[in-house]
Amino acid sequence: MAQRYRASVQKSVSETNEYIRHVAGKSPAEQIADAKKLLDEGTITESEYQQLKTKALS
C-alpha cells in the first residue's frame, strides 16, 4: 500500500513539474538562441532578430 501511495505521489509531482515547465515557457536565453537560429537560417532579418532579443530580455 505504501508503495502504491509513493508511486502516486511521484507521478503527481512529475505531472506538476511538467505543467510548470509548459506554462513557464522558455527562458530568455532559449528564446534568444531560437531567434539566432532563425537568423542564421535566413528565416528572419537582423531587425527581427533584434526585436525578438529585446523582447526576450524585457
PDB file of N, CA and C in Angstrom:
ATOM      1  N   MET A   1       0.814  -1.180   0.000  1.00  0.00           N
ATOM      2  CA  MET A   1       0.000   0.000   0.000  1.00  0.00           C
ATOM      3  C   MET A   1       0.867   1.256   0.000  1.00  0.00           C
ATOM      4  N   ALA A   2       1.915   1.251   0.794  1.00  0.00           N
ATOM      5  CA  ALA A   2       2.818   2.397   0.852  1.00  0.00           C
ATOM      6  C   ALA A   2       3.508   2.611  -0.491  1.00  0.00           C
ATOM      7  N   GLN A   3       3.828   1.506  -1.174  1.00  0.00           N
ATOM      8  CA  GLN A   3       4.480   1.624  -2.473  1.00  0.00           C
ATOM      9  C   GLN A   3       3.549   2.269  -3.494  1.00  0.00           C
ATOM     10  N   ARG A   4       2.275   1.892  -3.479  1.00  0.00           N
ATOM     11  CA  ARG A   4       1.310   2.499  -4.401  1.00  0.00           C
ATOM     12  C   ARG A   4       1.150   3.984  -4.102  1.00  0.00           C
ATOM     13  N   TYR A   5       1.104   4.318  -2.822  1.00  0.00           N
ATOM     14  CA  TYR A   5       0.976   5.724  -2.435  1.00  0.00           C
ATOM     15  C   TYR A   5       2.199   6.512  -2.905  1.00  0.00           C
ATOM     16  N   ARG A   6       3.389   5.960  -2.685  1.00  0.00           N
ATOM     17  CA  ARG A   6       4.626   6.609  -3.105  1.00  0.00           C
ATOM     18  C   ARG A   6       4.638   6.803  -4.616  1.00  0.00           C
ATOM     19  N   ALA A   7       4.228   5.782  -5.360  1.00  0.00           N
ATOM     20  CA  ALA A   7       4.181   5.885  -6.817  1.00  0.00           C
ATOM     21  C   ALA A   7       3.185   6.954  -7.252  1.00  0.00           C
ATOM     22  N   SER A   8       2.065   7.024  -6.561  1.00  0.00           N
ATOM     23  CA  SER A   8       1.053   8.032  -6.872  1.00  0.00           C
ATOM     24  C   SER A   8       1.590   9.442  -6.626  1.00  0.00           C
ATOM     25  N   VAL A   9       2.282   9.625  -5.520  1.00  0.00           N
ATOM     26  CA  VAL A   9       2.853  10.929  -5.191  1.00  0.00           C
ATOM     27  C   VAL A   9       3.925  11.306  -6.208  1.00  0.00           C
ATOM     28  N   GLN A  10       4.779  10.363  -6.566  1.00  0.00           N
ATOM     29  CA  GLN A  10       5.827  10.638  -7.540  1.00  0.00           C
ATOM     30  C   GLN A  10       5.233  11.020  -8.889  1.00  0.00           C
ATOM     31  N   LYS A  11       4.179  10.338  -9.293  1.00  0.00           N
ATOM     32  CA  LYS A  11       3.518  10.657 -10.556  1.00  0.00           C
ATOM     33  C   LYS A  11       2.928  12.059 -10.495  1.00  0.00           C
ATOM     34  N   SER A  12       2.308  12.387  -9.379  1.00  0.00           N
ATOM     35  CA  SER A  12       1.710  13.709  -9.205  1.00  0.00           C
ATOM     36  C   SER A  12       2.772  14.804  -9.265  1.00  0.00           C
ATOM     37  N   VAL A  13       3.882  14.597  -8.613  1.00  0.00           N
ATOM     38  CA  VAL A  13       4.974  15.568  -8.630  1.00  0.00           C
ATOM     39  C   VAL A  13       5.515  15.724 -10.047  1.00  0.00           C
ATOM     40  N   SER A  14       5.692  14.621 -10.737  1.00  0.00           N
ATOM     41  CA  SER A  14       6.186  14.656 -12.109  1.00  0.00           C
ATOM     42  C   SER A  14       5.239  15.436 -13.019  1.00  0.00           C
ATOM     43  N   GLU A  15       3.948  15.177 -12.892  1.00  0.00           N
ATOM     44  CA  GLU A  15       2.958  15.878 -13.709  1.00  0.00           C
ATOM     45  C   GLU A  15       2.936  17.370 -13.381  1.00  0.00           C
ATOM     46  N   THR A  16       3.065  17.705 -12.111  1.00  0.00           N
ATOM     47  CA  THR A  16       3.087  19.110 -11.704  1.00  0.00           C
ATOM     48  C   THR A  16       4.308  19.815 -12.276  1.00  0.00           C
ATOM     49  N   ASN A  17       5.460  19.177 -12.195  1.00  0.00           N
ATOM     50  CA  ASN A  17       6.679  19.770 -12.744  1.00  0.00           C
ATOM     51  C   ASN A  17       6.568  19.982 -14.250  1.00  0.00           C
ATOM     52  N   GLU A  18       6.014  19.020 -14.954  1.00  0.00           N
ATOM     53  CA  GLU A  18       5.829  19.142 -16.404  1.00  0.00           C
ATOM     54  C   GLU A  18       4.893  20.302 -16.726  1.00  0.00           C
ATOM     55  N   TYR A  19       3.825  20.437 -15.962  1.00  0.00           N
ATOM     56  CA  TYR A  19       2.879  21.539 -16.165  1.00  0.00           C
ATOM     57  C   TYR A  19       3.570  22.888 -15.954  1.00  0.00           C
ATOM     58  N   ILE A  20       4.365  22.992 -14.915  1.00  0.00           N
ATOM     59  CA  ILE A  20       5.069  24.246 -14.632  1.00  0.00           C
ATOM     60  C   ILE A  20       6.021  24.589 -15.769  1.00  0.00           C
ATOM     61  N   ARG A  21       6.763  23.604 -16.260  1.00  0.00           N
ATOM     62  CA  ARG A  21       7.672  23.849 -17.378  1.00  0.00           C
ATOM     63  C   ARG A  21       6.903  24.313 -18.607  1.00  0.00           C
ATOM     64  N   HIS A  22       5.750  23.708 -18.850  1.00  0.00           N
ATOM     65  CA  HIS A  22       4.937  24.056 -20.015  1.00  0.00           C
ATOM     66  C   HIS A  22       4.399  25.482 -19.896  1.00  0.00           C
ATOM     67  N   VAL A  23       3.895  25.840 -18.736  1.00  0.00           N
ATOM     68  CA  VAL A  23       3.293  27.156 -18.530  1.00  0.00           C
ATOM     69  C   VAL A  23       4.358  28.251 -18.498  1.00  0.00           C
ATOM     70  N   ALA A  24       5.487  27.967 -17.898  1.00  0.00           N
ATOM     71  CA  ALA A  24       6.536  28.968 -17.746  1.00  0.00           C
ATOM     72  C   ALA A  24       7.156  29.350 -19.082  1.00  0.00           C
ATOM     73  N   GLY A  25       7.155  28.449 -20.035  1.00  0.00           N
ATOM     74  CA  GLY A  25       7.741  28.750 -21.330  1.00  0.00           C
ATOM     75  C   GLY A  25       9.255  28.684 -21.292  1.00  0.00           C
ATOM     76  N   LYS A  26       9.832  29.193 -22.349  1.00  0.00           N
ATOM     77  CA  LYS A  26      11.280  29.136 -22.484  1.00  0.00           C
ATOM     78  C   LYS A  26      11.938  30.292 -21.742  1.00  0.00           C
ATOM     79  N   SER A  27      13.168  30.046 -21.335  1.00  0.00           N
ATOM     80  CA  SER A  27      13.945  31.093 -20.678  1.00  0.00           C
ATOM     81  C   SER A  27      14.379  32.120 -21.726  1.00  0.00           C
ATOM     82  N   PRO A  28      14.763  33.315 -21.286  1.00  0.00           N
ATOM     83  CA  PRO A  28      15.245  34.311 -22.242  1.00  0.00           C
ATOM     84  C   PRO A  28      16.420  33.803 -23.084  1.00  0.00           C
ATOM     85  N   ALA A  29      17.312  33.055 -22.474  1.00  0.00           N
ATOM     86  CA  ALA A  29      18.455  32.519 -23.219  1.00  0.00           C
ATOM     87  C   ALA A  29      17.997  31.572 -24.322  1.00  0.00           C
ATOM     88  N   GLU A  30      17.006  30.737 -24.024  1.00  0.00           N
ATOM     89  CA  GLU A  30      16.482  29.815 -25.033  1.00  0.00           C
ATOM     90  C   GLU A  30      15.773  30.576 -26.149  1.00  0.00           C
ATOM     91  N   GLN A  31      15.026  31.615 -25.788  1.00  0.00           N
ATOM     92  CA  GLN A  31      14.340  32.420 -26.797  1.00  0.00           C
ATOM     93  C   GLN A  31      15.343  33.091 -27.730  1.00  0.00           C
ATOM     94  N   ILE A  32      16.418  33.627 -27.167  1.00  0.00           N
ATOM     95  CA  ILE A  32      17.443  34.288 -27.976  1.00  0.00           C
ATOM     96  C   ILE A  32      18.153  33.270 -28.861  1.00  0.00           C
ATOM     97  N   ALA A  33      18.451  32.101 -28.328  1.00  0.00           N
ATOM     98  CA  ALA A  33      19.104  31.055 -29.121  1.00  0.00           C
ATOM     99  C   ALA A  33      18.218  30.629 -30.286  1.00  0.00           C
ATOM    100  N   ASP A  34      16.918  30.492 -30.030  1.00  0.00           N
ATOM    101  CA  ASP A  34      15.990  30.134 -31.106  1.00  0.00           C
ATOM    102  C   ASP A  34      15.950  31.223 -32.172  1.00  0.00           C
ATOM    103  N   ALA A  35      15.927  32.482 -31.734  1.00  0.00           N
ATOM    104  CA  ALA A  35      15.911  33.600 -32.681  1.00  0.00           C
ATOM    105  C   ALA A  35      17.202  33.636 -33.492  1.00  0.00           C
ATOM    106  N   LYS A  36      18.327  33.375 -32.849  1.00  0.00           N
ATOM    107  CA  LYS A  36      19.623  33.359 -33.548  1.00  0.00           C
ATOM    108  C   LYS A  36      19.643  32.262 -34.605  1.00  0.00           C
ATOM    109  N   LYS A  37      19.067  31.124 -34.274  1.00  0.00           N
ATOM    110  CA  LYS A  37      18.997  30.024 -35.240  1.00  0.00           C
ATOM    111  C   LYS A  37      18.179  30.446 -36.453  1.00  0.00           C
ATOM    112  N   LEU A  38      17.043  31.111 -36.210  1.00  0.00           N
ATOM    113  CA  LEU A  38      16.211  31.589 -37.316  1.00  0.00           C
ATOM    114  C   LEU A  38      16.965  32.614 -38.159  1.00  0.00           C
ATOM    115  N   LEU A  39      17.726  33.488 -37.507  1.00  0.00           N
ATOM    116  CA  LEU A  39      18.530  34.474 -38.224  1.00  0.00           C
ATOM    117  C   LEU A  39      19.580  33.779 -39.084  1.00  0.00           C
ATOM    118  N   ASP A  40      20.286  32.821 -38.511  1.00  0.00           N
ATOM    119  CA  ASP A  40      21.324  32.098 -39.243  1.00  0.00           C
ATOM    120  C   ASP A  40      20.764  31.330 -40.435  1.00  0.00           C
ATOM    121  N   GLU A  41      19.527  30.847 -40.303  1.00  0.00           N
ATOM    122  CA  GLU A  41      18.883  30.114 -41.396  1.00  0.00           C
ATOM    123  C   GLU A  41      18.324  31.050 -42.462  1.00  0.00           C
ATOM    124  N   GLY A  42      18.303  32.347 -42.166  1.00  0.00           N
ATOM    125  CA  GLY A  42      17.761  33.315 -43.111  1.00  0.00           C
ATOM    126  C   GLY A  42      16.249  33.452 -43.043  1.00  0.00           C
ATOM    127  N   THR A  43      15.652  32.881 -42.014  1.00  0.00           N
ATOM    128  CA  THR A  43      14.201  32.922 -41.862  1.00  0.00           C
ATOM    129  C   THR A  43      13.730  34.302 -41.424  1.00  0.00           C
ATOM    130  N   ILE A  44      14.543  34.984 -40.606  1.00  0.00           N
ATOM    131  CA  ILE A  44      14.201  36.332 -40.147  1.00  0.00           C
ATOM    132  C   ILE A  44      15.357  37.272 -40.465  1.00  0.00           C
ATOM    133  N   THR A  45      15.062  38.561 -40.454  1.00  0.00           N
ATOM    134  CA  THR A  45      16.085  39.571 -40.719  1.00  0.00           C
ATOM    135  C   THR A  45      16.803  39.949 -39.426  1.00  0.00           C
ATOM    136  N   GLU A  46      17.883  40.706 -39.575  1.00  0.00           N
ATOM    137  CA  GLU A  46      18.628  41.196 -38.408  1.00  0.00           C
ATOM    138  C   GLU A  46      17.732  42.065 -37.528  1.00  0.00           C
ATOM    139  N   SER A  47      16.912  42.875 -38.157  1.00  0.00           N
ATOM    140  CA  SER A  47      15.992  43.737 -37.414  1.00  0.00           C
ATOM    141  C   SER A  47      15.004  42.906 -36.597  1.00  0.00           C
ATOM    142  N   GLU A  48      14.457  41.871 -37.206  1.00  0.00           N
ATOM    143  CA  GLU A  48      13.515  40.995 -36.497  1.00  0.00           C
ATOM    144  C   GLU A  48      14.215  40.275 -35.347  1.00  0.00           C
ATOM    145  N   TYR A  49      15.453  39.869 -35.590  1.00  0.00           N
ATOM    146  CA  TYR A  49      16.233  39.210 -34.539  1.00  0.00           C
ATOM    147  C   TYR A  49      16.419  40.146 -33.348  1.00  0.00           C
ATOM    148  N   GLN A  50      16.779  41.397 -33.622  1.00  0.00           N
ATOM    149  CA  GLN A  50      16.983  42.365 -32.545  1.00  0.00           C
ATOM    150  C   GLN A  50      15.691  42.605 -31.765  1.00  0.00           C
ATOM    151  N   GLN A  51      14.557  42.639 -32.472  1.00  0.00           N
ATOM    152  CA  GLN A  51      13.269  42.815 -31.796  1.00  0.00           C
ATOM    153  C   GLN A  51      12.973  41.636 -30.873  1.00  0.00           C
ATOM    154  N   LEU A  52      13.211  40.422 -31.368  1.00  0.00           N
ATOM    155  CA  LEU A  52      12.974  39.229 -30.549  1.00  0.00           C
ATOM    156  C   LEU A  52      13.910  39.199 -29.338  1.00  0.00           C
ATOM    157  N   LYS A  53      15.145  39.592 -29.563  1.00  0.00           N
ATOM    158  CA  LYS A  53      16.131  39.620 -28.482  1.00  0.00           C
ATOM    159  C   LYS A  53      15.723  40.634 -27.410  1.00  0.00           C
ATOM    160  N   THR A  54      15.299  41.819 -27.850  1.00  0.00           N
ATOM    161  CA  THR A  54      14.856  42.852 -26.911  1.00  0.00           C
ATOM    162  C   THR A  54      13.652  42.375 -26.113  1.00  0.00           C
ATOM    163  N   LYS A  55      12.713  41.734 -26.794  1.00  0.00           N
ATOM    164  CA  LYS A  55      11.515  41.226 -26.121  1.00  0.00           C
ATOM    165  C   LYS A  55      11.885  40.156 -25.091  1.00  0.00           C
ATOM    166  N   ALA A  56      12.811  39.278 -25.447  1.00  0.00           N
ATOM    167  CA  ALA A  56      13.220  38.205 -24.532  1.00  0.00           C
ATOM    168  C   ALA A  56      13.899  38.763 -23.286  1.00  0.00           C
ATOM    169  N   LEU A  57      14.610  39.852 -23.449  1.00  0.00           N
ATOM    170  CA  LEU A  57      15.348  40.431 -22.327  1.00  0.00           C
ATOM    171  C   LEU A  57      14.505  41.360 -21.463  1.00  0.00           C
ATOM    172  N   SER A  58      13.315  41.693 -21.939  1.00  0.00           N
ATOM    173  CA  SER A  58      12.476  42.618 -21.156  1.00  0.00           C
ATOM    174  C   SER A  58      11.643  41.903 -20.124  1.00  0.00           C
TER     175      SER A  58
END
